[in-house]
């Protein structure tokens, strides 16, 4: 698999996004629109990875690979958890509640009459509390928080406000690591999320790991190629499962058949894990 295959995945993934968004906008169910935002995030970050790879910025790829993994796992968890049979979209609603509550908390932090609030306001060119509250007052924000809690009682019966949004069932998922293990993703987590943290990119990395510059560049070239394959798989799996989640079965099968032909044309010895909803 190569960067041309990732480019093909991105092109077809974008077409899938357009097709699915047209269906979801007609329905306009907020819980389902959440998934659209996550899918778009996966495509945009993967596109950034593609451009960095093409321009040989290999050392920078880990920084974008990590949020890609998060996007992929979050969406996969929702698509698995919120089955069509269930119809209550609890995982989507939990993510939605967390996002809405975070927006309000961010605003309240910016208008807070304390040192933290002052520092945040300075980041916005010393904007005043009065200016911030002109369109959205503290009273309105606090009222919206209570309204959210009321509207999302079903979620708060499954987890507390402080819990991770995905920790909504009997399985313990208090961290992203635990979510990865729950999703049978521990190998990818170890090799592509945790093992190569930001310390790898420190200025003395070559001395620390006793690499020559040539060995260092070769190391990142090999690792970035593996990441490229992984991200291509993410997009393929996500498009197929997302089409099916939205009952676009014909489109899912057509996409799967087309990408399988592409894989034959790009024949390489890799593990192609096309998700078919039957894990």
Protein backbone atom coordinates (compact mmCIF):
# COMPACT_ATOMS: atom_id res chain seq x y z
CA UNK A 1 0.00 0.00 0.00
CA UNK A 2 1.35 3.47 -0.82
CA UNK A 3 0.48 7.14 -0.64
CA UNK A 4 -1.48 6.87 -3.91
CA UNK A 5 -3.76 4.36 -2.23
CA UNK A 6 -4.29 6.68 0.74
CA UNK A 7 -5.11 9.44 -1.74
CA UNK A 8 -7.72 7.15 -3.31
CA UNK A 9 -9.15 6.38 0.14
CA UNK A 10 -9.40 10.07 0.91
CA UNK A 11 -11.11 10.81 -2.41
CA UNK A 12 -13.68 8.05 -1.95
CA UNK A 13 -14.07 8.88 1.73
CA UNK A 14 -14.92 12.47 0.81
CA UNK A 15 -17.55 11.25 -1.67
CA UNK A 16 -18.99 9.04 1.09
CA UNK A 17 -19.09 12.05 3.40
CA UNK A 18 -21.08 14.03 0.81
CA UNK A 19 -23.50 11.14 0.20
CA UNK A 20 -24.09 10.47 3.89
CA UNK A 21 -24.32 14.13 4.88
CA UNK A 22 -27.10 14.66 2.35
CA UNK A 23 -29.09 11.86 4.01
CA UNK A 24 -28.40 13.03 7.57
CA UNK A 25 -29.21 16.66 6.88
CA UNK A 26 -32.61 15.58 5.54
CA UNK A 27 -33.24 13.64 8.73
CA UNK A 28 -31.52 16.27 10.93
CA UNK A 29 -31.20 14.10 14.00
CA UNK A 30 -28.60 15.77 16.20
CA UNK A 31 -27.29 12.50 17.62
CA UNK A 32 -26.50 11.23 14.14
CA UNK A 33 -24.96 14.52 13.02
CA UNK A 34 -22.36 14.00 15.76
CA UNK A 35 -20.99 11.09 13.75
CA UNK A 36 -20.74 13.29 10.68
CA UNK A 37 -18.45 15.68 12.54
CA UNK A 38 -16.22 12.82 13.69
CA UNK A 39 -16.08 11.37 10.18
CA UNK A 40 -15.14 14.77 8.75
CA UNK A 41 -12.45 15.10 11.42
CA UNK A 42 -11.00 11.72 10.44
CA UNK A 43 -10.84 12.74 6.77
CA UNK A 44 -9.34 16.17 7.45
CA UNK A 45 -6.62 14.85 9.77
CA UNK A 46 -5.84 11.99 7.38
CA UNK A 47 -5.53 14.53 4.56
CA UNK A 48 -3.03 16.47 6.69
CA UNK A 49 -1.09 13.24 7.22
CA UNK A 50 -1.09 12.64 3.46
CA UNK A 51 0.32 16.08 2.68
CA UNK A 52 2.98 15.84 5.41
CA UNK A 53 4.01 12.43 4.08
CA UNK A 54 4.16 13.65 0.49
CA UNK A 55 6.36 16.58 1.54
CA UNK A 56 8.69 14.28 3.51
CA UNK A 57 7.86 15.81 6.92
CA UNK A 58 8.09 12.35 8.48
CA UNK A 59 9.03 13.38 12.02
CA UNK A 60 5.81 15.41 12.25
CA UNK A 61 3.55 12.47 11.41
CA UNK A 62 3.24 11.09 14.96
CA UNK A 63 1.63 14.35 16.06
CA UNK A 64 -1.22 13.87 13.60
CA UNK A 65 -1.41 10.07 13.82
CA UNK A 66 -2.50 10.21 17.45
CA UNK A 67 -5.64 12.36 16.89
CA UNK A 68 -6.44 10.25 13.81
CA UNK A 69 -6.48 7.15 16.02
CA UNK A 70 -8.75 8.96 18.50
CA UNK A 71 -11.16 10.04 15.77
CA UNK A 72 -11.27 6.55 14.33
CA UNK A 73 -11.85 4.81 17.67
CA UNK A 74 -14.49 7.30 18.81
CA UNK A 75 -16.47 6.88 15.62
CA UNK A 76 -16.05 3.11 15.61
CA UNK A 77 -17.24 2.92 19.21
CA UNK A 78 -20.36 4.94 18.37
CA UNK A 79 -21.14 2.92 15.25
CA UNK A 80 -20.75 -0.32 17.21
CA UNK A 81 -22.58 0.89 20.32
CA UNK A 82 -25.50 2.69 18.67
CA UNK A 83 -26.84 -0.20 16.63
CA UNK A 84 -29.80 0.32 14.33
CA UNK A 85 -31.78 -2.07 16.50
CA UNK A 86 -31.24 0.04 19.60
CA UNK A 87 -32.29 3.37 18.07
CA UNK A 88 -31.54 5.36 21.25
CA UNK A 89 -28.09 6.52 20.17
CA UNK A 90 -26.72 6.57 23.71
CA UNK A 91 -23.06 6.79 22.69
CA UNK A 92 -23.79 9.64 20.27
CA UNK A 93 -25.84 11.43 22.92
CA UNK A 94 -23.10 10.99 25.48
CA UNK A 95 -20.54 12.51 23.10
CA UNK A 96 -22.98 15.31 22.26
CA UNK A 97 -23.60 16.07 25.94
CA UNK A 98 -19.86 16.19 26.66
CA UNK A 99 -19.26 18.54 23.70
CA UNK A 100 -22.10 20.91 24.59
CA UNK A 101 -21.09 21.00 28.26
CA UNK A 102 -17.47 21.68 27.31
CA UNK A 103 -18.51 24.68 25.20
CA UNK A 104 -20.39 26.19 28.12
CA UNK A 105 -17.56 25.49 30.58
CA UNK A 106 -15.08 27.14 28.22
CA UNK A 107 -17.23 30.27 28.05
CA UNK A 108 -17.64 30.37 31.85
CA UNK A 109 -13.86 30.05 32.24
CA UNK A 110 -13.33 33.02 29.92
CA UNK A 111 -15.72 35.26 31.88
CA UNK A 112 -14.57 34.11 35.32
CA UNK A 113 -13.50 36.91 37.69
CA UNK A 114 -10.26 35.21 38.70
CA UNK A 115 -6.64 34.87 37.55
CA UNK A 116 -7.47 32.06 35.12
CA UNK A 117 -10.21 34.15 33.53
CA UNK A 118 -7.91 37.17 33.22
CA UNK A 119 -5.22 35.08 31.53
CA UNK A 120 -7.74 33.63 29.08
CA UNK A 121 -9.10 37.07 28.21
CA UNK A 122 -5.58 38.36 27.53
CA UNK A 123 -5.24 35.62 24.93
CA UNK A 124 -8.15 37.30 23.13
CA UNK A 125 -6.50 40.74 22.97
CA UNK A 126 -7.62 41.76 26.44
CA UNK A 127 -11.31 41.43 25.63
CA UNK A 128 -13.46 42.42 28.60
CA UNK A 129 -15.97 40.34 30.54
CA UNK A 130 -18.67 42.80 29.47
CA UNK A 131 -17.87 42.24 25.82
CA UNK A 132 -17.94 38.46 26.24
CA UNK A 133 -21.20 38.55 28.17
CA UNK A 134 -22.88 40.87 25.71
CA UNK A 135 -24.00 37.95 23.55
CA UNK A 136 -23.94 35.20 26.17
CA UNK A 137 -24.20 36.11 29.84
CA UNK A 138 -23.11 34.01 32.81
CA UNK A 139 -26.75 33.66 33.82
CA UNK A 140 -27.65 32.28 30.39
CA UNK A 141 -24.71 29.87 30.44
CA UNK A 142 -25.61 28.50 33.88
CA UNK A 143 -29.23 28.14 32.81
CA UNK A 144 -28.12 26.24 29.70
CA UNK A 145 -26.04 23.89 31.85
CA UNK A 146 -29.07 22.98 33.93
CA UNK A 147 -31.17 22.55 30.82
CA UNK A 148 -28.55 20.21 29.36
CA UNK A 149 -28.55 18.11 32.52
CA UNK A 150 -32.32 17.87 32.29
CA UNK A 151 -32.33 16.94 28.59
CA UNK A 152 -29.59 14.36 29.02
CA UNK A 153 -30.88 12.58 32.10
CA UNK A 154 -30.61 9.28 30.23
CA UNK A 155 -26.85 9.82 29.90
CA UNK A 156 -26.35 11.00 33.46
CA UNK A 157 -28.08 7.84 34.66
CA UNK A 158 -25.21 5.90 33.02
CA UNK A 159 -22.22 8.06 33.95
CA UNK A 160 -21.27 11.19 35.85
CA UNK A 161 -20.48 14.49 34.15
CA UNK A 162 -16.77 14.02 34.86
CA UNK A 163 -16.58 10.53 33.36
CA UNK A 164 -15.30 9.92 29.86
CA UNK A 165 -18.16 10.18 27.38
CA UNK A 166 -17.61 6.56 26.24
CA UNK A 167 -17.83 5.13 29.77
CA UNK A 168 -21.58 4.47 29.58
CA UNK A 169 -21.96 0.74 30.14
CA UNK A 170 -20.87 -1.99 32.50
CA UNK A 171 -17.42 -2.22 30.91
CA UNK A 172 -14.77 -0.14 32.68
CA UNK A 173 -13.49 2.53 30.26
CA UNK A 174 -12.06 5.30 32.42
CA UNK A 175 -9.32 6.20 29.95
CA UNK A 176 -8.54 6.11 26.23
CA UNK A 177 -6.23 3.17 26.89
CA UNK A 178 -9.10 1.20 28.42
CA UNK A 179 -11.31 2.13 25.47
CA UNK A 180 -8.65 0.72 23.12
CA UNK A 181 -8.55 -2.55 25.05
CA UNK A 182 -12.35 -2.70 25.06
CA UNK A 183 -12.35 -2.20 21.26
CA UNK A 184 -9.69 -4.91 20.76
CA UNK A 185 -7.26 -2.23 19.65
CA UNK A 186 -4.47 -2.75 22.18
CA UNK A 187 -1.75 -3.64 19.65
CA UNK A 188 -2.32 -0.50 17.59
CA UNK A 189 -2.50 1.55 20.78
CA UNK A 190 0.86 0.26 22.00
CA UNK A 191 2.67 0.72 18.69
CA UNK A 192 1.09 3.85 17.24
CA UNK A 193 -0.38 5.84 20.10
CA UNK A 194 1.63 5.40 23.26
CA UNK A 195 5.04 4.04 22.28
CA UNK A 196 6.04 7.02 20.15
CA UNK A 197 5.10 9.94 22.35
CA UNK A 198 6.35 13.49 22.01
CA UNK A 199 9.57 12.61 23.85
CA UNK A 200 10.69 10.74 20.72
CA UNK A 201 10.95 14.09 18.95
CA UNK A 202 13.18 15.77 21.52
CA UNK A 203 16.26 17.56 20.25
CA UNK A 204 18.66 14.93 21.60
CA UNK A 205 16.72 11.94 20.31
CA UNK A 206 19.53 10.73 18.05
CA UNK A 207 21.98 10.66 20.96
CA UNK A 208 19.41 9.17 23.33
CA UNK A 209 18.67 6.22 21.04
CA UNK A 210 22.20 5.99 19.64
CA UNK A 211 20.98 6.53 16.07
CA UNK A 212 23.02 7.97 13.25
CA UNK A 213 21.15 10.60 11.27
CA UNK A 214 20.77 8.15 8.39
CA UNK A 215 19.38 5.46 10.71
CA UNK A 216 17.09 8.02 12.29
CA UNK A 217 15.62 9.01 8.91
CA UNK A 218 15.25 5.37 7.90
CA UNK A 219 13.46 4.62 11.17
CA UNK A 220 10.86 7.32 10.55
CA UNK A 221 10.51 6.37 6.89
CA UNK A 222 9.61 2.77 7.81
CA UNK A 223 7.36 3.82 10.67
CA UNK A 224 5.54 6.44 8.61
CA UNK A 225 4.87 3.85 5.89
CA UNK A 226 3.24 1.57 8.45
CA UNK A 227 1.17 4.50 9.73
CA UNK A 228 0.11 5.26 6.16
CA UNK A 229 -1.19 1.69 5.77
CA UNK A 230 -2.97 1.88 9.10
CA UNK A 231 -4.73 5.14 8.24
CA UNK A 232 -5.80 3.81 4.84
CA UNK A 233 -7.38 0.87 6.67
CA UNK A 234 -9.09 3.25 9.10
CA UNK A 235 -10.76 5.11 6.26
CA UNK A 236 -11.82 1.93 4.44
CA UNK A 237 -13.32 0.39 7.56
CA UNK A 238 -15.04 3.59 8.57
CA UNK A 239 -16.62 4.27 5.18
CA UNK A 240 -18.05 0.75 4.97
CA UNK A 241 -19.39 0.69 8.51
CA UNK A 242 -20.70 4.27 8.26
CA UNK A 243 -22.57 3.55 5.03
CA UNK A 244 -24.15 0.50 6.67
CA UNK A 245 -24.97 2.36 9.86
CA UNK A 246 -26.99 4.75 7.71
CA UNK A 247 -28.67 1.86 5.87
CA UNK A 248 -26.84 2.65 2.62
CA UNK A 249 -26.05 -1.02 2.01
CA UNK A 250 -25.63 -0.81 -1.76
CA UNK A 251 -23.14 2.04 -1.42
CA UNK A 252 -21.20 0.11 1.24
CA UNK A 253 -20.93 -3.01 -0.91
CA UNK A 254 -19.99 -0.99 -4.00
CA UNK A 255 -17.26 0.86 -2.09
CA UNK A 256 -15.91 -2.38 -0.60
CA UNK A 257 -15.73 -4.07 -4.00
CA UNK A 258 -14.00 -1.07 -5.55
CA UNK A 259 -11.40 -0.80 -2.79
CA UNK A 260 -10.68 -4.51 -2.87
CA UNK A 261 -9.82 -4.15 -6.56
CA UNK A 262 -7.58 -1.21 -5.69
CA UNK A 263 -5.84 -3.34 -3.09
CA UNK A 264 -5.11 -6.00 -5.69
CA UNK A 265 -3.61 -3.34 -7.92
CA UNK A 266 -1.53 -2.09 -5.00
CA UNK A 267 -0.64 -5.61 -3.85
CA UNK A 268 1.46 -5.55 -0.69
CA UNK A 269 1.94 -7.87 2.27
CA UNK A 270 -0.20 -6.12 4.87
CA UNK A 271 -3.10 -6.97 7.11
CA UNK A 272 -6.19 -5.55 5.42
CA UNK A 273 -8.91 -5.45 8.04
CA UNK A 274 -11.99 -4.32 6.14
CA UNK A 275 -14.69 -3.98 8.72
CA UNK A 276 -17.89 -5.78 7.75
CA UNK A 277 -19.82 -5.40 10.97
CA UNK A 278 -19.28 -9.03 11.97
CA UNK A 279 -16.46 -8.93 14.46
